[in-house]
Every structure is written in C-alpha cells, then in structure tokens.
Amino acid sequence: MSETSAQEPESYDVLVIGGGPAGTAAALRAAGLGARTALVEARRTGGTCVNTGCVPTRVLARTARLVREVRQAGEYGIAVTEQPVDWTRTVARVRETIERVQAAKAEPEKLADAGVDLVLEGRARLTGPHEVELEDTGRRLRGRSVVLAVGGHSRRLPVPGAELAVLPEEVLDLPAIPRRLAVVGAGNTGAQLVTVFAALGSEVTLLEVAPRILAQTDADVSAAVQEAFVAQGVRVRTGVAGIASLERDGEGVRLTWTDGEADGGQERSEVFDVVITSTGWPASLEGLGLDAAGIEHTARGIGVDEHLRTNLEHVYAVGDANQEAMLVQAAHREAEDAAVNAVLGPRRSRRHELLPAGGFTDPDYADVGLTEEQARERDPGCVVALVPFASMERPVIDDRTRGFLKLVADGRREQLLGAHAVGESAVEVVQAVTTAMAAGVDVAVLARVEYAYPTYSAVIGVAARQLLDSAPTSYEHADQD
C-alpha cells in the first residue's frame, strides 16, 4: 500500500461520485447548503451527455439537417450544387463543439467557486459504507453522506461476435460514412443515428425486437416517425425475434437475425459495412465496490426509496445509477433533491410526473405526461385532439408539414394529461405545453392564450380549442373573469 493510501482518509460531509450533470448538480447544491463537499470523477466533468452522448449526437443531427436543407434550397430559388459530406471535418466539428460546450459550462471553475473539491484521479472504488479509494493515486476519501451519480454505459449484445458492432459512443471513430449500415435498437439513440446516416447517404436498415420503434412513446408518434423513416428509404424491421450473431465477412460485418412471426420467422443474414447496436443503458457499476460497501443492487442499477436513498440511509443514487428516469433533466432534479436530503435529512421526494423528452430525428418527436393508451386506462372518458402540422401556416411556409400535435385531457376537458408531437420544433412545442401543465393551466385557459403568428407553438391553442369543441360549458367557464 502506498504512503498516500496508508494515511487517514480525508473527510467530507458529502462525497459525490461521478462528474456528469447529476454529480455536478449534487455537489453544487450540497456546497451551497454549507456542506464540505468533494466531487470525484475519473478524468473530466460533463459525463456521457457532453462528451460522448447528447452533445455529439445533436451536432450530427445538425449536420444531417444542413444536408437536407441544401437539397431543398432549389425549391426556394437558391442554386446549390450538392457536395459530398466531409466526414473527417464533420467529426472535427463535433469534437470542437464538445470543447466549446465544456468551456461554456465551465464546471471546474463553478465547482471551485462554490468550494467543492474536484478530484480527478481515476475511478473511485468504495472500500466501505463511507470510504472510497482512487485508482490512480490510492488516495482515500470519506463521506458522512455519499451520492452515487456514476451514469450509465452502452450494453453489448450477448451474442457471438458482439465486439464487431459499433456502440453509439464509438460512432465518431468510424473512418468514413458507411455505404450499408445496420442499426440494432430503435430507442431514442438508435432512431437519431438512423436519421443522421440516412441523410448522409447510407443505406440504413433498422432492426427492433419490440413491435414498434420508439416503443416508450405514444403509438401515434411511433407510427409517424416510422412512416417518415420508410419515406426516406430506411428499411425498418420491427418485432425481430432475435439477433443471432455477427461475424467478419471481408471488409464488412455479417449480421444474422431471425424475423418475428409476423414476417415469417425466417433467419436472415446480410453483410453491412457497419453495424451499430443501441440496445440498453445499464448503470456503470463495474468496479465501483458496491458489495464491499454493502449496497444492494442488480445488474442494471441501484434501488432507491422515495428519498433517493439506497438500502444504506446515508448513500444516495441518482440519475442513470438508479435506472428510474434516464434523462439529463431528471438526473439534475434528482441530484439536487438527494443533496438536500444528504445535508438536511430526508425531506425531498423524487417526482417525475412531468418529464418532457424527445429526439432530434427527421422529423423530430417529443412527449410529456401520459400516452393516449395510458390515459384511457386511467380515465376511459378522456378526450384527444390531434392537429396536423399541414393545417398550420408556419409549417406550410417552411415546407415542414409532416407531423402533428396531440393533446390528451381528462373527460371534463379541464386537465391536460399528456402532449405528443412529431414534426419541426416538436420538442419546443411540447416543452411549452409542459410549462402550462406544471403551472396548472387548464384546457380552457390554454385555449384563450394569444399565440404569436405565424409560429409552430400556435398549434397548442388550436389543439386546446379542439378539445373543447364538444363541451360548450367549458367555453362558458373560459369566459369567466
């Protein structure tokens, strides 16, 4: 044991493990409450989202959008000769943007200003309920309370040859844009990568074991995005019975899978230049020392109670670590709540009733609240309004008419239960509805809002008025001051 590790561990009120959005938020909140706080991260703050996930994917989505707009420019009288995409320059732009985002966030500086000790000495391993040891230096730290914000990682398929597949975070390492590409997994990340490479010129095949793509979204959203993918030339295979294997075949990779019963249940085998697998996101628990600390967990994540505590009352798990709501905005909220509980005692409960989410595909999509199916289970008399973007002025002006806004309300036409959108600015439109829902705005009030013209958000008022069309008494209520 080194001299450093033989010394008594440095003590803190709150010890945060993981420097992504959740870990940074937890550390800043704890320090703001007066706790002596340390944040331990292996190499660099920002987490998956900034360094290998959301930010890089969004830059690639922006690249794909520019390609589509160049192709459409002629319709507006702009003579543009389409040029091939320089993948090397695209990747460079992504990496430049990561650095710019890091600089804009300035997290090391903010942590230092708040009095947080930022420790970048390799991964932390729990050696007991309160202590960690750092892999690079052997340095030991002790926390009265511990917040686990270790994030997650892509999962490789448990099939022969799985190592031949490219994980989403490895896409930037591709030497060129693949001519033939298979994407296995049609969740948010897989769907966004389909959009990117289809726009960049790849022949894309999308395989999904669920009966439909984007299986967690409203069924109408899923259907609309799949229809758009097919229109772009993407070959979509849903209900796949399973992936059998990957093997090297010349310069490419041979992917073997079995179709679902609806497609005959046949085994198929094709060669692709690249196979990307996006099939799960378990918590990053390997080497964390959970067993040594006595923290109960599964292979996917760490269980927590309503106060975000593990089975040890002083240890909290937030964000991807607990596998409850694996989104940056959710992780940030959980982290702040856990920090308050760690410093002041269990007083905040986790709540994710309104968690807007979406994807930057072509077209974009977004959801908040209950899907129509979920709403009907809760309230069989619920009402639904669906307004096509093609009926709105701004989408027609921009020639972005594919898509819709769907609002779901309770049977009394008073409370919004969910909002679902596909199309241009879908995420921003749903975010606006989320704000109204969070403020408790009822349908009648939302229908009376005067929206700027012509805008995408104006579809909200049209949908709200549609919800009221069969309920005149609601209009009478809306006219009351």
Protein backbone atom coordinates (compact mmCIF):
# COMPACT_ATOMS: atom_id res chain seq x y z
CA MET A 1 0.00 0.00 0.00
CA SER A 2 1.33 3.44 -0.90
CA GLU A 3 2.14 6.07 1.70
CA THR A 4 -0.83 8.11 0.47
CA SER A 5 -3.33 5.26 0.85
CA ALA A 6 -1.90 4.39 4.30
CA GLN A 7 -2.85 7.81 5.60
CA GLU A 8 -6.19 8.51 7.22
CA PRO A 9 -8.87 9.30 4.61
CA GLU A 10 -9.79 12.93 4.03
CA SER A 11 -13.24 13.56 5.45
CA TYR A 12 -16.17 15.40 3.86
CA ASP A 13 -19.77 15.99 4.76
CA VAL A 14 -20.88 14.91 1.27
CA LEU A 15 -18.89 12.78 -1.15
CA VAL A 16 -20.23 12.75 -4.71
CA ILE A 17 -19.03 10.05 -7.11
CA GLY A 18 -19.46 10.92 -10.78
CA GLY A 19 -18.97 14.26 -12.56
CA GLY A 20 -21.80 14.25 -15.09
CA PRO A 21 -24.87 16.51 -14.91
CA ALA A 22 -26.19 14.73 -11.81
CA GLY A 23 -22.92 14.68 -9.91
CA THR A 24 -22.13 18.32 -10.62
CA ALA A 25 -25.63 19.42 -9.60
CA ALA A 26 -25.45 17.40 -6.38
CA ALA A 27 -22.04 18.79 -5.44
CA LEU A 28 -23.01 22.41 -6.10
CA ARG A 29 -26.25 22.06 -4.13
CA ALA A 30 -24.56 20.38 -1.19
CA ALA A 31 -21.84 23.01 -1.06
CA GLY A 32 -24.46 25.73 -1.32
CA LEU A 33 -26.05 24.35 1.82
CA GLY A 34 -22.76 24.71 3.66
CA ALA A 35 -21.55 21.12 3.47
CA ARG A 36 -17.88 20.34 2.92
CA THR A 37 -18.12 18.57 -0.42
CA ALA A 38 -15.88 16.61 -2.77
CA LEU A 39 -16.72 15.54 -6.32
CA VAL A 40 -14.82 12.53 -7.63
CA GLU A 41 -14.62 11.97 -11.39
CA ALA A 42 -12.23 9.73 -13.30
CA ARG A 43 -10.94 12.22 -15.87
CA ARG A 44 -13.26 15.03 -16.90
CA THR A 45 -16.57 16.56 -15.91
CA GLY A 46 -19.55 16.63 -18.25
CA GLY A 47 -20.45 12.98 -18.23
CA THR A 48 -21.75 10.95 -21.14
CA CYS A 49 -24.12 13.65 -22.35
CA VAL A 50 -21.48 16.27 -23.07
CA ASN A 51 -18.55 14.07 -24.01
CA THR A 52 -19.97 11.11 -25.94
CA GLY A 53 -23.78 11.31 -25.94
CA CYS A 54 -26.31 14.12 -26.29
CA VAL A 55 -23.97 16.87 -27.48
CA PRO A 56 -22.14 14.86 -30.17
CA THR A 57 -25.41 13.31 -31.37
CA ARG A 58 -27.05 16.72 -31.60
CA VAL A 59 -24.15 18.07 -33.69
CA LEU A 60 -24.53 15.11 -36.04
CA ALA A 61 -28.28 15.80 -36.21
CA ARG A 62 -27.48 19.41 -37.11
CA THR A 63 -25.18 18.16 -39.88
CA ALA A 64 -27.96 15.96 -41.24
CA ARG A 65 -30.39 18.89 -41.16
CA LEU A 66 -28.00 21.06 -43.15
CA VAL A 67 -27.66 18.32 -45.76
CA ARG A 68 -31.45 18.16 -46.09
CA GLU A 69 -31.75 21.94 -46.34
CA VAL A 70 -29.11 22.10 -49.08
CA ARG A 71 -31.11 19.55 -51.04
CA GLN A 72 -34.25 21.67 -50.61
CA ALA A 73 -32.65 25.03 -51.41
CA GLY A 74 -33.53 24.83 -55.09
CA GLU A 75 -37.23 24.95 -54.24
CA TYR A 76 -36.64 28.46 -52.88
CA GLY A 77 -34.72 29.64 -55.93
CA ILE A 78 -31.27 29.12 -54.45
CA ALA A 79 -28.92 27.34 -56.84
CA VAL A 80 -26.79 24.99 -54.76
CA THR A 81 -24.65 22.16 -56.04
CA GLU A 82 -24.79 19.32 -53.55
CA GLN A 83 -21.36 18.36 -52.29
CA PRO A 84 -20.33 15.13 -50.55
CA VAL A 85 -20.07 15.32 -46.77
CA ASP A 86 -16.50 15.50 -45.50
CA TRP A 87 -16.79 13.04 -42.61
CA THR A 88 -13.38 13.96 -41.22
CA ARG A 89 -14.42 17.61 -40.99
CA THR A 90 -17.78 16.63 -39.52
CA VAL A 91 -16.08 14.67 -36.75
CA ALA A 92 -13.71 17.56 -36.13
CA ARG A 93 -16.71 19.90 -35.78
CA VAL A 94 -18.26 17.54 -33.24
CA ARG A 95 -15.10 17.48 -31.16
CA GLU A 96 -14.73 21.26 -31.41
CA THR A 97 -18.30 21.65 -30.19
CA ILE A 98 -17.67 19.39 -27.21
CA GLU A 99 -14.79 21.66 -26.21
CA ARG A 100 -16.94 24.76 -26.68
CA VAL A 101 -19.71 23.30 -24.53
CA GLN A 102 -17.17 22.36 -21.87
CA ALA A 103 -15.85 25.93 -21.91
CA ALA A 104 -19.36 27.41 -21.76
CA LYS A 105 -20.37 25.22 -18.82
CA ALA A 106 -17.10 26.00 -17.01
CA GLU A 107 -17.89 23.33 -14.44
CA PRO A 108 -14.43 23.07 -12.82
CA GLU A 109 -14.47 26.82 -12.23
CA LYS A 110 -18.02 26.79 -10.86
CA LEU A 111 -17.19 23.93 -8.53
CA ALA A 112 -14.08 25.70 -7.29
CA ASP A 113 -16.01 28.94 -6.74
CA ALA A 114 -18.59 27.01 -4.71
CA GLY A 115 -15.88 25.48 -2.54
CA VAL A 116 -16.21 21.95 -3.94
CA ASP A 117 -13.03 19.88 -4.09
CA LEU A 118 -12.88 18.42 -7.62
CA VAL A 119 -10.85 15.21 -7.57
CA LEU A 120 -9.75 13.87 -10.97
CA GLU A 121 -7.59 10.91 -10.02
CA GLY A 122 -9.19 7.96 -11.78
CA ARG A 123 -12.26 5.95 -10.92
CA ALA A 124 -13.40 5.69 -7.33
CA ARG A 125 -13.89 2.32 -5.66
CA LEU A 126 -15.92 2.01 -2.48
CA THR A 127 -13.97 0.22 0.22
CA GLY A 128 -16.67 0.54 2.86
CA PRO A 129 -20.01 2.25 3.52
CA HIS A 130 -18.36 5.69 3.83
CA GLU A 131 -14.99 5.42 2.07
CA VAL A 132 -13.57 5.35 -1.47
CA GLU A 133 -10.13 4.77 -2.89
CA LEU A 134 -8.97 6.37 -6.17
CA GLU A 135 -7.41 4.10 -8.76
CA ASP A 136 -4.68 6.48 -9.99
CA THR A 137 -3.21 7.61 -6.69
CA GLY A 138 -4.60 5.33 -3.98
CA ARG A 139 -5.89 8.44 -2.25
CA ARG A 140 -8.74 7.74 0.18
CA LEU A 141 -11.75 9.90 0.87
CA ARG A 142 -14.52 9.56 3.43
CA GLY A 143 -18.02 11.00 3.28
CA ARG A 144 -20.59 11.29 6.03
CA SER A 145 -23.08 11.04 3.17
CA VAL A 146 -22.36 9.63 -0.29
CA VAL A 147 -24.14 10.44 -3.55
CA LEU A 148 -23.64 7.93 -6.36
CA ALA A 149 -24.00 9.67 -9.74
CA VAL A 150 -21.97 7.25 -11.83
CA GLY A 151 -24.03 7.40 -15.02
CA GLY A 152 -24.52 4.54 -17.45
CA HIS A 153 -22.97 2.89 -20.49
CA SER A 154 -23.95 1.15 -23.69
CA ARG A 155 -24.60 -2.57 -23.50
CA ARG A 156 -23.14 -5.04 -25.97
CA LEU A 157 -25.44 -7.76 -27.26
CA PRO A 158 -24.90 -11.15 -25.57
CA VAL A 159 -24.28 -12.89 -28.90
CA PRO A 160 -21.23 -14.27 -30.74
CA GLY A 161 -19.26 -11.53 -32.46
CA ALA A 162 -20.84 -8.71 -30.47
CA GLU A 163 -17.45 -6.99 -30.30
CA LEU A 164 -17.66 -6.36 -34.06
CA ALA A 165 -20.53 -3.93 -33.55
CA VAL A 166 -20.01 -0.21 -33.06
CA LEU A 167 -21.52 1.31 -29.92
CA PRO A 168 -23.13 4.78 -30.20
CA GLU A 169 -20.26 6.46 -28.37
CA GLU A 170 -17.83 4.93 -30.90
CA VAL A 171 -19.51 6.41 -33.99
CA LEU A 172 -17.01 9.27 -34.16
CA ASP A 173 -14.23 6.71 -34.58
CA LEU A 174 -15.64 5.48 -37.89
CA PRO A 175 -13.15 6.17 -40.71
CA ALA A 176 -15.87 7.06 -43.22
CA ILE A 177 -19.62 7.24 -43.73
CA PRO A 178 -20.75 3.62 -44.23
CA ARG A 179 -22.44 2.74 -47.50
CA ARG A 180 -24.56 0.00 -45.92
CA LEU A 181 -25.43 0.41 -42.25
CA ALA A 182 -27.49 -1.64 -39.80
CA VAL A 183 -28.77 -0.08 -36.59
CA VAL A 184 -29.95 -2.57 -33.97
CA GLY A 185 -32.25 -0.91 -31.45
CA ALA A 186 -34.90 1.71 -32.19
CA GLY A 187 -34.92 3.68 -28.97
CA ASN A 188 -34.04 7.37 -28.81
CA THR A 189 -30.35 6.96 -29.65
CA GLY A 190 -30.85 4.38 -32.38
CA ALA A 191 -33.56 6.45 -34.05
CA GLN A 192 -31.40 9.57 -34.06
CA LEU A 193 -28.48 7.71 -35.61
CA VAL A 194 -30.80 6.37 -38.30
CA THR A 195 -31.76 9.94 -39.21
CA VAL A 196 -28.13 11.08 -39.29
CA PHE A 197 -26.76 8.38 -41.54
CA ALA A 198 -29.79 8.23 -43.82
CA ALA A 199 -29.28 11.95 -44.53
CA LEU A 200 -25.54 11.44 -45.03
CA GLY A 201 -26.22 8.88 -47.74
CA SER A 202 -26.03 5.49 -46.03
CA GLU A 203 -28.42 2.68 -46.94
CA VAL A 204 -29.88 2.07 -43.47
CA THR A 205 -31.59 -1.00 -42.05
CA LEU A 206 -33.20 -0.60 -38.61
CA LEU A 207 -33.88 -3.70 -36.52
CA GLU A 208 -36.03 -3.65 -33.37
CA VAL A 209 -37.32 -6.52 -31.23
CA ALA A 210 -40.31 -4.52 -29.97
CA PRO A 211 -43.48 -4.43 -32.08
CA ARG A 212 -42.77 -0.81 -32.98
CA ILE A 213 -39.94 1.71 -32.93
CA LEU A 214 -39.70 4.22 -30.08
CA ALA A 215 -41.77 1.81 -28.04
CA GLN A 216 -41.96 4.12 -25.00
CA THR A 217 -43.65 6.93 -26.93
CA ASP A 218 -47.30 7.40 -27.83
CA ALA A 219 -48.34 4.94 -30.54
CA ASP A 220 -49.19 7.73 -33.00
CA VAL A 221 -45.72 9.25 -32.53
CA SER A 222 -44.07 5.90 -33.15
CA ALA A 223 -46.12 5.28 -36.29
CA ALA A 224 -45.44 8.74 -37.71
CA VAL A 225 -41.68 8.54 -37.21
CA GLN A 226 -41.55 5.06 -38.72
CA GLU A 227 -43.55 6.25 -41.72
CA ALA A 228 -41.09 9.11 -42.18
CA PHE A 229 -38.13 6.73 -41.97
CA VAL A 230 -39.61 4.47 -44.64
CA ALA A 231 -40.24 7.50 -46.86
CA GLN A 232 -36.54 8.34 -46.54
CA GLY A 233 -35.57 4.88 -47.77
CA VAL A 234 -34.82 3.32 -44.39
CA ARG A 235 -35.68 -0.36 -44.20
CA VAL A 236 -37.46 -0.88 -40.88
CA ARG A 237 -37.85 -4.33 -39.33
CA THR A 238 -39.82 -4.44 -36.07
CA GLY A 239 -40.83 -7.45 -33.99
CA VAL A 240 -37.50 -9.13 -34.71
CA ALA A 241 -37.30 -12.42 -32.81
CA GLY A 242 -33.62 -12.01 -32.01
CA ILE A 243 -30.09 -11.24 -33.14
CA ALA A 244 -28.12 -14.46 -33.62
CA SER A 245 -24.56 -13.36 -34.37
CA LEU A 246 -22.11 -11.00 -36.01
CA GLU A 247 -19.07 -12.20 -37.91
CA ARG A 248 -16.37 -10.69 -40.08
CA ASP A 249 -17.10 -11.02 -43.79
CA GLY A 250 -14.41 -9.48 -45.99
CA GLU A 251 -14.38 -5.74 -45.38
CA GLY A 252 -17.80 -5.86 -43.72
CA VAL A 253 -19.76 -7.50 -40.90
CA ARG A 254 -22.31 -10.25 -41.48
CA LEU A 255 -25.33 -9.77 -39.24
CA THR A 256 -27.65 -12.74 -38.71
CA TRP A 257 -31.08 -12.32 -37.17
CA THR A 258 -34.46 -14.04 -37.03
CA ASP A 259 -37.58 -12.25 -38.19
CA GLY A 260 -40.65 -12.22 -35.98
CA GLU A 261 -43.62 -14.47 -36.63
CA ALA A 262 -45.45 -11.65 -38.43
CA ASP A 263 -42.65 -11.66 -41.04
CA GLY A 264 -42.44 -15.43 -41.36
CA GLY A 265 -39.95 -16.15 -38.60
CA GLN A 266 -37.16 -16.77 -41.08
CA GLU A 267 -33.47 -16.45 -40.32
CA ARG A 268 -31.79 -13.74 -42.37
CA SER A 269 -28.15 -12.90 -42.90
CA GLU A 270 -26.76 -9.79 -44.58
CA VAL A 271 -23.41 -8.06 -44.83
CA PHE A 272 -23.10 -4.42 -43.78
CA ASP A 273 -20.15 -2.07 -43.73
CA VAL A 274 -21.01 -1.14 -40.14
CA VAL A 275 -23.42 -2.47 -37.52
CA ILE A 276 -24.35 -0.11 -34.69
CA THR A 277 -26.00 -1.62 -31.62
CA SER A 278 -28.04 0.59 -29.29
CA THR A 279 -29.82 -1.92 -27.11
CA GLY A 280 -29.65 -0.85 -23.49
CA TRP A 281 -28.13 1.53 -20.98
CA PRO A 282 -27.32 -0.11 -17.63
CA ALA A 283 -25.72 1.84 -14.80
CA SER A 284 -21.92 1.97 -14.69
CA LEU A 285 -21.43 -0.17 -11.60
CA GLU A 286 -18.41 -2.26 -12.63
CA GLY A 287 -15.53 -1.84 -10.21
CA LEU A 288 -17.50 0.55 -8.00
CA GLY A 289 -17.23 -1.67 -4.92
CA LEU A 290 -20.92 -1.79 -4.11
CA ASP A 291 -20.64 -5.21 -2.46
CA ALA A 292 -17.78 -4.05 -0.24
CA ALA A 293 -19.94 -1.14 0.87
CA GLY A 294 -22.99 -3.33 1.43
CA ILE A 295 -25.11 -1.53 -1.15
CA GLU A 296 -27.83 -3.66 -2.70
CA HIS A 297 -28.06 -3.58 -6.50
CA THR A 298 -28.95 -5.52 -9.63
CA ALA A 299 -27.01 -5.90 -12.85
CA ARG A 300 -28.83 -2.85 -14.22
CA GLY A 301 -28.84 -0.38 -11.35
CA ILE A 302 -29.21 0.55 -7.70
CA GLY A 303 -32.58 0.51 -5.99
CA VAL A 304 -33.65 3.63 -4.10
CA ASP A 305 -36.58 4.73 -1.93
CA GLU A 306 -38.74 7.81 -2.38
CA HIS A 307 -35.95 9.97 -0.91
CA LEU A 308 -33.37 8.52 -3.36
CA ARG A 309 -31.66 6.54 -0.58
CA THR A 310 -30.20 3.11 -1.17
CA ASN A 311 -30.53 0.39 1.47
CA LEU A 312 -27.90 2.42 3.37
CA GLU A 313 -29.58 5.57 4.69
CA HIS A 314 -26.53 7.76 4.11
CA VAL A 315 -25.94 6.64 0.49
CA TYR A 316 -28.00 8.07 -2.37
CA ALA A 317 -28.14 7.02 -6.03
CA VAL A 318 -29.29 9.45 -8.72
CA GLY A 319 -29.65 9.65 -12.48
CA ASP A 320 -28.73 6.62 -14.55
CA ALA A 321 -27.38 4.92 -11.43
CA ASN A 322 -30.91 4.16 -10.20
CA GLN A 323 -32.37 3.46 -13.69
CA GLU A 324 -35.61 5.30 -12.88
CA ALA A 325 -35.69 8.18 -15.38
CA MET A 326 -32.59 8.19 -17.53
CA LEU A 327 -32.65 11.74 -18.85
CA VAL A 328 -30.37 14.66 -18.08
CA GLN A 329 -33.19 16.85 -16.78
CA ALA A 330 -34.38 14.08 -14.46
CA ALA A 331 -30.87 13.38 -13.21
CA HIS A 332 -30.31 17.06 -12.46
CA ARG A 333 -33.53 17.27 -10.41
CA GLU A 334 -32.83 14.04 -8.54
CA ALA A 335 -29.29 15.18 -7.76
CA GLU A 336 -30.42 18.43 -6.17
CA ASP A 337 -33.04 16.62 -4.12
CA ALA A 338 -30.53 13.99 -2.98
CA ALA A 339 -28.07 16.70 -1.98
CA VAL A 340 -30.70 18.44 0.14
CA ASN A 341 -31.59 15.13 1.78
CA ALA A 342 -27.93 14.27 2.35
CA VAL A 343 -27.27 17.55 4.14
CA LEU A 344 -30.56 18.33 5.85
CA GLY A 345 -32.19 14.92 6.21
CA PRO A 346 -34.85 13.15 4.13
CA ARG A 347 -37.28 15.89 3.22
CA ARG A 348 -37.50 15.81 -0.57
CA SER A 349 -39.17 13.02 -2.53
CA ARG A 350 -38.45 12.22 -6.16
CA ARG A 351 -41.18 13.27 -8.55
CA HIS A 352 -41.19 12.92 -12.32
CA GLU A 353 -44.85 13.43 -13.24
CA LEU A 354 -43.91 15.90 -15.95
CA LEU A 355 -40.75 14.80 -17.72
CA PRO A 356 -40.61 16.07 -21.31
CA ALA A 357 -38.41 14.10 -23.65
CA GLY A 358 -37.82 13.90 -27.35
CA GLY A 359 -35.48 13.08 -30.18
CA PHE A 360 -33.86 15.11 -32.94
CA THR A 361 -34.77 12.80 -35.77
CA ASP A 362 -36.31 13.72 -39.12
CA PRO A 363 -38.95 14.64 -38.17
CA ASP A 364 -38.37 15.48 -34.51
CA TYR A 365 -40.64 13.96 -31.88
CA ALA A 366 -41.46 14.69 -28.24
CA ASP A 367 -43.68 13.52 -25.38
CA VAL A 368 -44.75 14.57 -21.91
CA GLY A 369 -47.20 13.03 -19.50
CA LEU A 370 -49.45 10.09 -20.29
CA THR A 371 -49.75 8.46 -23.67
CA GLU A 372 -53.28 8.08 -25.03
CA GLU A 373 -53.28 4.42 -24.06
CA GLN A 374 -52.16 5.19 -20.50
CA ALA A 375 -54.71 8.00 -20.21
CA ARG A 376 -57.57 5.73 -21.30
CA GLU A 377 -56.59 3.20 -18.67
CA ARG A 378 -56.76 5.90 -16.01
CA ASP A 379 -59.76 7.79 -17.39
CA PRO A 380 -61.83 5.92 -20.02
CA GLY A 381 -63.68 9.16 -20.78
CA CYS A 382 -60.53 11.13 -21.63
CA VAL A 383 -60.57 13.25 -24.78
CA VAL A 384 -57.95 13.61 -27.50
CA ALA A 385 -57.21 16.37 -30.00
CA LEU A 386 -54.83 15.82 -32.90
CA VAL A 387 -53.90 18.77 -35.12
CA PRO A 388 -51.83 18.03 -38.26
CA PHE A 389 -48.96 20.41 -38.90
CA ALA A 390 -50.15 20.54 -42.52
CA SER A 391 -53.15 22.57 -41.33
CA MET A 392 -50.96 25.27 -39.75
CA GLU A 393 -49.47 28.26 -41.55
CA ARG A 394 -45.90 28.18 -40.26
CA PRO A 395 -45.19 24.55 -41.22
CA VAL A 396 -46.58 25.27 -44.69
CA ILE A 397 -44.34 28.34 -45.01
CA ASP A 398 -41.27 26.33 -44.01
CA ASP A 399 -42.36 23.27 -46.02
CA ARG A 400 -42.20 21.23 -42.81
CA THR A 401 -45.75 19.89 -42.87
CA ARG A 402 -45.06 16.33 -41.74
CA GLY A 403 -46.29 15.77 -38.19
CA PHE A 404 -48.88 16.79 -35.62
CA LEU A 405 -49.56 17.86 -32.05
CA LYS A 406 -51.71 15.56 -29.95
CA LEU A 407 -53.17 16.69 -26.63
CA VAL A 408 -54.83 14.33 -24.16
CA ALA A 409 -57.15 15.73 -21.47
CA ASP A 410 -59.40 14.30 -18.79
CA GLY A 411 -63.06 13.65 -19.53
CA ARG A 412 -64.08 17.02 -18.08
CA ARG A 413 -61.87 18.83 -20.63
CA GLU A 414 -60.08 20.58 -17.78
CA GLN A 415 -56.74 18.95 -17.02
CA LEU A 416 -54.13 18.10 -19.62
CA LEU A 417 -52.83 14.57 -19.14
CA GLY A 418 -50.29 14.40 -21.95
CA ALA A 419 -48.86 16.04 -25.05
CA HIS A 420 -47.22 14.30 -28.00
CA ALA A 421 -45.76 15.84 -31.13
CA VAL A 422 -43.99 14.88 -34.32
CA GLY A 423 -42.51 17.46 -36.66
CA GLU A 424 -40.47 20.64 -36.83
CA SER A 425 -39.86 22.16 -33.37
CA ALA A 426 -41.75 19.27 -31.76
CA VAL A 427 -39.54 19.33 -28.68
CA GLU A 428 -40.03 23.07 -28.17
CA VAL A 429 -43.80 22.81 -28.67
CA VAL A 430 -44.08 20.03 -26.10
CA GLN A 431 -41.85 21.97 -23.71
CA ALA A 432 -44.30 24.89 -23.90
CA VAL A 433 -47.19 22.55 -23.07
CA THR A 434 -45.14 21.11 -20.19
CA THR A 435 -44.78 24.59 -18.71
CA ALA A 436 -48.54 25.09 -18.88
CA MET A 437 -49.17 21.70 -17.26
CA ALA A 438 -46.67 22.40 -14.49
CA ALA A 439 -48.39 25.72 -13.80
CA GLY A 440 -51.77 24.01 -13.54
CA VAL A 441 -53.20 25.81 -16.56
CA ASP A 442 -56.46 24.15 -17.56
CA VAL A 443 -57.56 23.49 -21.11
CA ALA A 444 -59.98 26.42 -21.30
CA VAL A 445 -57.29 28.92 -20.28
CA LEU A 446 -54.77 27.40 -22.69
CA ALA A 447 -57.32 27.78 -25.49
CA ARG A 448 -57.59 31.52 -24.79
CA VAL A 449 -53.85 32.24 -24.96
CA GLU A 450 -52.97 34.57 -27.85
CA TYR A 451 -50.10 32.95 -29.74
CA ALA A 452 -47.69 34.88 -31.94
CA TYR A 453 -48.36 34.42 -35.65
CA PRO A 454 -47.18 32.51 -37.58
CA THR A 455 -45.44 30.14 -35.18
CA TYR A 456 -45.19 26.44 -34.51
CA SER A 457 -46.41 26.91 -30.94
CA ALA A 458 -49.71 28.30 -32.23
CA VAL A 459 -50.74 24.68 -32.78
CA ILE A 460 -51.14 24.42 -29.00
CA GLY A 461 -54.06 26.85 -28.99
CA VAL A 462 -55.71 25.11 -31.94
CA ALA A 463 -55.44 21.73 -30.21
CA ALA A 464 -56.76 23.12 -26.91
CA ARG A 465 -59.77 24.64 -28.67
CA GLN A 466 -60.37 21.34 -30.43
CA LEU A 467 -60.51 19.62 -27.05
CA LEU A 468 -63.31 22.00 -26.04
CA ASP A 469 -65.33 21.76 -29.24
CA SER A 470 -67.67 19.11 -27.88
CA ALA A 471 -68.05 20.76 -24.47
CA PRO A 472 -69.77 24.17 -24.72
CA THR A 473 -69.91 24.50 -20.93
CA SER A 474 -66.14 24.63 -20.90
CA TYR A 475 -66.26 27.69 -23.16
CA GLU A 476 -68.68 29.34 -20.76
CA HIS A 477 -66.22 28.60 -17.96
CA ALA A 478 -63.38 30.07 -20.01
CA ASP A 479 -65.29 33.34 -20.48
CA GLN A 480 -65.48 33.95 -16.76
CA ASP A 481 -63.04 36.51 -15.36
